[in-house]
Amino acid sequence: MKRLLSISLLIVALVVMGWQLWPKESTAPTSYAGLGEGDDNFPQAKPGTMLNFPEDHGPHPDFRIEWWYLTGNLVAEDGRRFGVQWTLFRQAMAPPDLQQKTSDETPWASRQLWMAHAALSTPEDHLFSERFARGGVGQAGVKTTPFEAWIDNWSLRALGKDDSAGENDGSGFDHLLVTASGKEFGYRLTLDAEGPLVRHGTQGFSQKSADGQGSMYYSQPFFRVEGEVRVAGEPIAVTGRAWLDREWSSQLLGPTQSGWDWFSLHLDSGAKLMAFRLRGGDESGNENEDGSYLSGSWITPQGNITPLKPEDLNLMPLEYQTVAGREIPTRWRVQVPAHDLDVEVRARHPNQWMGTSFPYWEGMVTVSGSNEGEGYLEMTGYAGE
């Protein structure tokens, strides 16, 4: 799926900044369930929608929610393993017709809100930072040609092959530079795509529950990475693999879904696996006994994709650990029988907790069993003490 941190995340964070967030003409959602609340005034993601590039690399401001989401598994020359996350979220706080009312107002009246997360997982620790912005004043945004997504001095932008933005039109995701920094960490990494973009679900429409709602969702899972991370002032040269997700929607979840577990796995065979479990649901057709909804994509080394239906895969928690006062499943069994995959996915260490305004678990994992590999796992909606 990848993953929205819920509308309430933005509400909490932006209230902290002292803004009047929700226009009088609209109704504020209250929790994860906000992602399951429909609103006919917003356009909806639906089957049959064709993705268009490079236009869809840019923003879709009429939709309620959207993100640009990068995760990477890195290794230093001395063998130390690191993980990076860079995410920019956009939130429309009112439907398109109400957004138009701000055209003659101050730019600070924009009803587009932005939030970003950056994180660096080390072999022993997890460092993170978050930032917030209001649209209309240039502090954050996304443009298509040349491609750039930014908030303050954090950015994800296209590069020419000579590492300058001017050699080509910069409209694709083939060659990118990502930068971010926090009080104790930072990174500057170049990303080179070695395979094609992949469209999840039905040509890019990714269903999220038996009720039929979902999102537009595509990925670039074939990045090779080179660059540098910084930990407590120490620069460390790294190489590795990265995965970039693009997704937008106006109603991601079903009304009773409470959270998700999302996997992006690089297998040593060259294949890739995206899989998610949305917990909760109704009784109108989910194949899983616990009511959760499963879906995914099997991606060949050449970039050919096979959509995975709920009956095509199994995601089973094997071990829980207490993290930030929550019982979090940090070891899983992942099975895709049609592709002879039966593996154990384990967190490199359990404390990869994002203690942001709306907290969640996100971190690097290892893969062992019928195939070896590595990847990232995100888990949301686990209640604390």
Protein backbone atom coordinates (compact mmCIF):
# COMPACT_ATOMS: atom_id res chain seq x y z
CA MET A 1 0.00 0.00 0.00
CA LYS A 2 2.13 2.45 1.23
CA ARG A 3 0.92 3.96 3.55
CA LEU A 4 -0.61 7.08 4.89
CA LEU A 5 -0.03 8.03 8.40
CA SER A 6 -3.64 9.09 8.78
CA ILE A 7 -5.28 12.41 8.47
CA SER A 8 -5.19 12.76 12.23
CA LEU A 9 -1.41 12.78 12.12
CA LEU A 10 -1.51 16.06 10.28
CA ILE A 11 -4.24 17.42 12.49
CA VAL A 12 -2.25 16.76 15.67
CA ALA A 13 0.97 18.10 14.21
CA LEU A 14 -0.50 21.26 12.77
CA VAL A 15 -2.54 22.05 15.86
CA VAL A 16 0.80 22.11 17.67
CA MET A 17 1.83 24.85 15.24
CA GLY A 18 -1.16 26.92 16.26
CA TRP A 19 -2.98 26.97 12.92
CA GLN A 20 -6.73 26.90 12.41
CA LEU A 21 -6.58 23.72 10.41
CA TRP A 22 -10.03 22.79 9.32
CA PRO A 23 -12.16 25.14 7.22
CA LYS A 24 -15.65 25.75 8.55
CA GLU A 25 -17.10 24.29 5.34
CA SER A 26 -15.59 20.82 5.94
CA THR A 27 -15.60 18.21 8.66
CA ALA A 28 -12.42 17.03 10.36
CA PRO A 29 -11.83 13.31 10.72
CA THR A 30 -10.85 12.06 14.15
CA SER A 31 -8.54 9.02 13.86
CA TYR A 32 -7.31 6.27 11.55
CA ALA A 33 -10.97 5.84 10.74
CA GLY A 34 -10.69 9.20 8.99
CA LEU A 35 -8.97 7.35 6.17
CA GLY A 36 -12.11 5.26 5.83
CA GLU A 37 -14.53 8.16 5.71
CA GLY A 38 -15.85 8.84 2.22
CA ASP A 39 -16.56 12.33 0.89
CA ASP A 40 -18.23 12.68 -2.49
CA ASN A 41 -16.81 16.19 -2.81
CA PHE A 42 -13.32 14.73 -3.33
CA PRO A 43 -12.40 12.76 -6.47
CA GLN A 44 -11.91 9.05 -5.78
CA ALA A 45 -9.24 6.65 -6.96
CA LYS A 46 -10.92 4.03 -9.12
CA PRO A 47 -10.16 1.15 -11.51
CA GLY A 48 -9.65 2.14 -15.11
CA THR A 49 -7.72 5.31 -14.30
CA MET A 50 -4.61 5.48 -16.48
CA LEU A 51 -1.34 6.65 -14.97
CA ASN A 52 0.53 9.25 -17.02
CA PHE A 53 4.22 10.07 -16.65
CA PRO A 54 5.84 12.40 -15.88
CA GLU A 55 2.63 14.20 -14.81
CA ASP A 56 1.79 11.71 -12.07
CA HIS A 57 5.19 12.17 -10.42
CA GLY A 58 3.80 15.57 -9.43
CA PRO A 59 1.03 16.48 -6.96
CA HIS A 60 -2.69 15.73 -7.22
CA PRO A 61 -4.08 18.55 -5.06
CA ASP A 62 -7.76 17.68 -5.59
CA PHE A 63 -7.28 14.34 -3.82
CA ARG A 64 -7.40 14.30 -0.05
CA ILE A 65 -4.07 12.57 0.67
CA GLU A 66 -0.80 11.83 -1.13
CA TRP A 67 2.86 10.96 -0.48
CA TRP A 68 6.34 10.45 -1.91
CA TYR A 69 7.93 7.71 0.19
CA LEU A 70 11.53 6.45 0.00
CA THR A 71 13.14 3.68 2.05
CA GLY A 72 16.65 2.28 1.62
CA ASN A 73 18.84 -0.55 2.92
CA LEU A 74 22.49 0.51 3.06
CA VAL A 75 25.85 -0.98 4.04
CA ALA A 76 29.14 0.72 4.94
CA GLU A 77 32.60 -0.51 3.92
CA ASP A 78 33.10 -1.99 7.41
CA GLY A 79 29.87 -4.01 7.11
CA ARG A 80 27.66 -1.85 9.31
CA ARG A 81 24.03 -1.78 8.16
CA PHE A 82 21.94 1.37 7.94
CA GLY A 83 18.38 2.15 6.89
CA VAL A 84 17.00 5.46 5.60
CA GLN A 85 13.49 6.85 5.24
CA TRP A 86 12.44 10.06 3.49
CA THR A 87 8.74 10.89 3.21
CA LEU A 88 6.75 13.92 2.08
CA PHE A 89 3.00 13.92 2.74
CA ARG A 90 0.41 16.28 1.23
CA GLN A 91 -3.04 16.80 2.75
CA ALA A 92 -5.96 18.68 1.18
CA MET A 93 -7.97 20.17 4.03
CA ALA A 94 -11.02 20.90 1.87
CA PRO A 95 -12.58 19.57 -1.37
CA PRO A 96 -11.55 21.18 -4.69
CA ASP A 97 -14.46 23.62 -4.95
CA LEU A 98 -13.73 25.01 -1.47
CA GLN A 99 -9.99 25.21 -2.17
CA GLN A 100 -10.75 27.63 -5.01
CA LYS A 101 -12.08 30.15 -2.50
CA THR A 102 -8.49 30.79 -1.32
CA SER A 103 -7.30 32.12 -4.69
CA ASP A 104 -7.79 35.77 -3.69
CA GLU A 105 -6.62 35.30 -0.12
CA THR A 106 -3.15 35.39 1.41
CA PRO A 107 -0.91 32.41 0.50
CA TRP A 108 -1.08 31.38 4.17
CA ALA A 109 -4.77 30.60 3.61
CA SER A 110 -3.84 27.64 1.39
CA ARG A 111 -5.72 24.47 2.30
CA GLN A 112 -2.84 22.27 1.19
CA LEU A 113 -0.77 21.10 4.16
CA TRP A 114 2.59 19.32 4.10
CA MET A 115 4.47 17.09 6.50
CA ALA A 116 7.80 15.27 6.14
CA HIS A 117 9.59 12.52 8.02
CA ALA A 118 13.27 11.59 7.77
CA ALA A 119 14.94 8.77 9.65
CA LEU A 120 18.23 6.90 9.87
CA SER A 121 18.41 3.45 11.45
CA THR A 122 21.86 2.45 12.68
CA PRO A 123 22.95 -1.01 13.90
CA GLU A 124 22.01 0.02 17.45
CA ASP A 125 19.72 3.03 17.27
CA HIS A 126 16.96 4.83 15.35
CA LEU A 127 17.14 8.58 14.70
CA PHE A 128 14.29 10.59 13.21
CA SER A 129 12.99 14.09 12.59
CA GLU A 130 9.77 15.65 11.26
CA ARG A 131 8.80 18.95 9.66
CA PHE A 132 5.56 20.72 8.76
CA ALA A 133 4.53 23.39 6.26
CA ARG A 134 1.50 25.12 4.84
CA GLY A 135 1.16 25.25 1.07
CA GLY A 136 1.20 28.51 -0.86
CA VAL A 137 4.32 30.11 0.62
CA GLY A 138 7.04 28.00 -1.05
CA GLN A 139 8.26 26.24 2.09
CA ALA A 140 7.23 22.84 0.71
CA GLY A 141 5.91 21.40 -2.51
CA VAL A 142 6.47 19.21 -5.56
CA LYS A 143 7.13 20.17 -9.17
CA THR A 144 7.35 17.87 -12.17
CA THR A 145 9.94 19.31 -14.59
CA PRO A 146 12.58 19.20 -13.35
CA PHE A 147 11.21 16.87 -10.68
CA GLU A 148 11.69 18.06 -7.13
CA ALA A 149 9.90 17.36 -3.85
CA TRP A 150 10.99 19.46 -0.89
CA ILE A 151 10.28 20.85 2.53
CA ASP A 152 12.74 23.46 3.79
CA ASN A 153 16.20 22.09 2.92
CA TRP A 154 15.13 18.44 2.71
CA SER A 155 14.70 17.41 -0.90
CA LEU A 156 14.26 14.60 -3.38
CA ARG A 157 15.16 15.85 -6.85
CA ALA A 158 16.08 14.71 -10.33
CA LEU A 159 19.67 14.85 -11.51
CA GLY A 160 21.25 14.64 -14.93
CA LYS A 161 23.83 11.93 -15.45
CA ASP A 162 26.57 14.44 -14.68
CA ASP A 163 24.85 15.13 -11.31
CA SER A 164 23.43 18.43 -12.51
CA ALA A 165 19.75 19.15 -13.00
CA GLY A 166 20.28 20.65 -16.43
CA GLU A 167 21.50 17.76 -18.57
CA ASN A 168 17.97 16.44 -19.24
CA ASP A 169 14.47 17.64 -18.46
CA GLY A 170 14.56 15.94 -15.06
CA SER A 171 10.99 14.72 -15.37
CA GLY A 172 11.59 11.06 -14.52
CA PHE A 173 12.65 8.97 -11.54
CA ASP A 174 15.74 7.44 -13.17
CA HIS A 175 18.40 9.44 -11.35
CA LEU A 176 17.62 11.22 -8.06
CA LEU A 177 19.39 12.91 -5.18
CA VAL A 178 17.88 12.74 -1.69
CA THR A 179 19.04 14.87 1.23
CA ALA A 180 17.85 15.28 4.81
CA SER A 181 19.23 16.09 8.23
CA GLY A 182 18.28 16.03 11.88
CA LYS A 183 20.03 17.05 15.08
CA GLU A 184 22.03 13.81 15.23
CA PHE A 185 21.98 12.51 11.66
CA GLY A 186 21.87 13.36 7.99
CA TYR A 187 22.32 11.80 4.56
CA ARG A 188 23.05 12.69 0.95
CA LEU A 189 22.41 9.81 -1.46
CA THR A 190 22.21 9.38 -5.24
CA LEU A 191 19.66 6.91 -6.59
CA ASP A 192 20.02 5.21 -9.98
CA ALA A 193 17.12 3.12 -11.32
CA GLU A 194 18.11 -0.27 -12.75
CA GLY A 195 14.58 -1.31 -13.70
CA PRO A 196 11.20 0.13 -14.69
CA LEU A 197 8.42 1.73 -12.69
CA VAL A 198 5.79 -0.81 -11.59
CA ARG A 199 2.03 -0.25 -11.29
CA HIS A 200 0.36 -2.07 -8.40
CA GLY A 201 -3.07 -3.64 -8.42
CA THR A 202 -5.04 -3.13 -11.63
CA GLN A 203 -2.76 -0.92 -13.77
CA GLY A 204 -2.11 1.31 -10.78
CA PHE A 205 -5.40 1.09 -8.85
CA SER A 206 -4.66 -0.68 -5.56
CA GLN A 207 -7.75 -1.98 -3.75
CA LYS A 208 -7.56 -1.70 0.03
CA SER A 209 -10.65 -3.56 1.31
CA ALA A 210 -13.42 -5.87 0.20
CA ASP A 211 -15.64 -2.78 -0.01
CA GLY A 212 -13.69 -1.68 -3.07
CA GLN A 213 -12.08 1.63 -2.14
CA GLY A 214 -8.37 2.12 -2.65
CA SER A 215 -5.63 4.31 -4.05
CA MET A 216 -3.53 5.02 -7.12
CA TYR A 217 -0.19 3.38 -6.40
CA TYR A 218 3.07 2.83 -8.29
CA SER A 219 6.70 2.28 -7.27
CA GLN A 220 10.29 2.43 -8.37
CA PRO A 221 11.77 -0.56 -6.49
CA PHE A 222 15.01 -0.87 -8.49
CA PHE A 223 17.20 1.92 -7.13
CA ARG A 224 20.91 1.39 -6.55
CA VAL A 225 22.26 3.79 -3.93
CA GLU A 226 25.61 5.47 -3.33
CA GLY A 227 26.40 8.28 -0.96
CA GLU A 228 27.01 9.24 2.61
CA VAL A 229 25.19 9.11 5.91
CA ARG A 230 26.21 11.11 8.95
CA VAL A 231 25.81 9.92 12.54
CA ALA A 232 26.79 12.26 15.40
CA GLY A 233 29.08 14.14 13.03
CA GLU A 234 30.75 11.02 11.58
CA PRO A 235 30.52 10.77 7.76
CA ILE A 236 30.09 7.18 6.54
CA ALA A 237 30.23 6.12 2.88
CA VAL A 238 27.44 3.67 2.01
CA THR A 239 25.97 1.72 -0.89
CA GLY A 240 22.75 -0.26 -1.14
CA ARG A 241 19.21 -0.53 -2.50
CA ALA A 242 16.17 1.71 -2.23
CA TRP A 243 12.44 1.67 -2.98
CA LEU A 244 10.30 4.71 -3.84
CA ASP A 245 6.50 4.64 -3.48
CA ARG A 246 3.96 7.05 -4.95
CA GLU A 247 0.37 6.93 -3.79
CA TRP A 248 -2.71 9.16 -3.62
CA SER A 249 -6.31 8.67 -2.55
CA SER A 250 -9.35 10.32 -1.00
CA GLN A 251 -10.52 7.25 0.93
CA LEU A 252 -7.79 4.72 1.54
CA LEU A 253 -9.32 2.38 4.14
CA GLY A 254 -12.61 0.73 4.92
CA PRO A 255 -14.62 2.30 7.77
CA THR A 256 -13.60 -0.34 10.34
CA GLN A 257 -9.95 -0.88 9.38
CA SER A 258 -7.57 0.17 12.15
CA GLY A 259 -4.01 -0.06 10.82
CA TRP A 260 -1.65 -1.90 8.52
CA ASP A 261 1.53 -3.95 8.16
CA TRP A 262 3.41 -3.20 4.93
CA PHE A 263 6.44 -5.00 3.47
CA SER A 264 8.83 -4.02 0.67
CA LEU A 265 11.37 -6.80 0.16
CA HIS A 266 14.45 -7.07 -2.07
CA LEU A 267 15.15 -10.77 -2.65
CA ASP A 268 18.61 -12.04 -3.60
CA SER A 269 17.04 -13.83 -6.58
CA GLY A 270 16.43 -10.36 -8.03
CA ALA A 271 12.67 -10.50 -7.47
CA LYS A 272 10.85 -7.94 -5.32
CA LEU A 273 7.79 -8.32 -3.11
CA MET A 274 5.34 -5.65 -1.97
CA ALA A 275 2.70 -6.97 0.43
CA PHE A 276 0.36 -5.47 3.00
CA ARG A 277 -2.19 -6.49 5.59
CA LEU A 278 -4.93 -4.03 6.53
CA ARG A 279 -6.24 -5.05 9.92
CA GLY A 280 -9.96 -5.11 10.61
CA GLY A 281 -12.69 -4.97 8.03
CA ASP A 282 -16.18 -6.14 7.35
CA GLU A 283 -17.72 -9.52 6.56
CA SER A 284 -18.44 -8.88 2.89
CA GLY A 285 -15.86 -11.09 1.30
CA ASN A 286 -12.51 -10.99 3.06
CA GLU A 287 -10.84 -14.34 2.68
CA ASN A 288 -8.92 -14.11 5.97
CA GLU A 289 -10.32 -15.43 9.22
CA ASP A 290 -9.27 -12.38 11.26
CA GLY A 291 -11.07 -9.99 8.89
CA SER A 292 -7.87 -8.39 7.60
CA TYR A 293 -7.40 -7.60 3.93
CA LEU A 294 -4.24 -8.82 2.14
CA SER A 295 -2.82 -7.70 -1.16
CA GLY A 296 0.53 -7.37 -2.86
CA SER A 297 2.68 -7.47 -5.97
CA TRP A 298 5.26 -10.00 -7.12
CA ILE A 299 7.87 -8.21 -9.23
CA THR A 300 10.33 -10.12 -11.43
CA PRO A 301 13.96 -8.98 -11.87
CA GLN A 302 12.89 -7.55 -15.25
CA GLY A 303 10.07 -5.52 -13.67
CA ASN A 304 7.12 -7.67 -14.74
CA ILE A 305 4.42 -7.59 -12.07
CA THR A 306 1.87 -10.16 -10.87
CA PRO A 307 -0.89 -8.78 -8.60
CA LEU A 308 -1.42 -10.89 -5.49
CA LYS A 309 -4.96 -11.37 -4.19
CA PRO A 310 -5.76 -12.11 -0.52
CA GLU A 311 -5.72 -15.87 -1.17
CA ASP A 312 -2.31 -15.66 -2.88
CA LEU A 313 -0.21 -14.79 0.16
CA ASN A 314 0.09 -15.25 3.90
CA LEU A 315 1.46 -12.73 6.42
CA MET A 316 1.70 -14.31 9.86
CA PRO A 317 3.22 -12.65 12.99
CA LEU A 318 5.57 -15.04 14.81
CA GLU A 319 7.04 -12.95 17.63
CA TYR A 320 6.05 -9.77 19.46
CA GLN A 321 8.30 -7.40 21.38
CA THR A 322 7.49 -4.44 23.58
CA VAL A 323 8.44 -1.24 21.78
CA ALA A 324 7.47 2.19 23.14
CA GLY A 325 4.85 0.58 25.37
CA ARG A 326 3.27 -1.36 22.49
CA GLU A 327 3.36 -5.04 21.57
CA ILE A 328 4.82 -4.96 18.05
CA PRO A 329 5.27 -8.02 15.78
CA THR A 330 8.98 -7.93 14.86
CA ARG A 331 9.23 -11.42 13.31
CA TRP A 332 6.93 -12.66 10.54
CA ARG A 333 6.36 -15.59 8.23
CA VAL A 334 5.68 -14.45 4.66
CA GLN A 335 4.45 -16.96 2.08
CA VAL A 336 3.66 -16.63 -1.62
CA PRO A 337 3.05 -20.28 -2.67
CA ALA A 338 2.76 -19.62 -6.41
CA HIS A 339 6.33 -18.30 -6.40
CA ASP A 340 7.73 -20.85 -3.93
CA LEU A 341 8.39 -18.16 -1.36
CA ASP A 342 8.34 -19.16 2.31
CA VAL A 343 10.51 -16.83 4.36
CA GLU A 344 11.01 -15.36 7.79
CA VAL A 345 11.13 -11.57 7.93
CA ARG A 346 12.82 -10.20 11.04
CA ALA A 347 13.54 -6.66 12.25
CA ARG A 348 17.29 -5.95 12.41
CA HIS A 349 16.50 -4.54 15.84
CA PRO A 350 13.13 -3.81 17.45
CA ASN A 351 13.58 -0.18 18.43
CA GLN A 352 13.02 1.38 15.01
CA TRP A 353 10.18 3.46 16.38
CA MET A 354 9.03 6.72 14.81
CA GLY A 355 8.14 8.81 17.85
CA THR A 356 6.59 11.50 15.66
CA SER A 357 3.38 13.44 16.29
CA PHE A 358 1.46 10.32 15.32
CA PRO A 359 3.84 7.42 16.11
CA TYR A 360 4.44 4.21 14.14
CA TRP A 361 7.10 1.52 13.57
CA GLU A 362 9.22 1.67 10.43
CA GLY A 363 12.53 -0.07 9.93
CA MET A 364 14.92 -2.35 8.11
CA VAL A 365 14.33 -6.11 8.09
CA THR A 366 16.17 -9.25 6.98
CA VAL A 367 14.74 -12.10 4.91
CA SER A 368 15.72 -15.77 5.34
CA GLY A 369 14.29 -19.11 4.25
CA SER A 370 13.48 -20.17 0.70
CA ASN A 371 15.08 -16.90 -0.41
CA GLU A 372 17.44 -14.45 1.27
CA GLY A 373 17.21 -10.70 1.21
CA GLU A 374 16.41 -7.47 3.02
CA GLY A 375 13.84 -4.73 2.97
CA TYR A 376 11.59 -2.47 5.01
CA LEU A 377 8.52 -3.01 7.19
CA GLU A 378 6.01 -0.43 8.39
CA MET A 379 3.39 -1.08 11.08
CA THR A 380 0.71 1.36 12.24
CA GLY A 381 -2.28 1.33 14.57
CA TYR A 382 -0.84 -0.71 17.45
CA ALA A 383 -2.22 0.68 20.70
CA GLY A 384 0.09 1.79 23.50
CA GLU A 385 -0.24 1.61 27.24
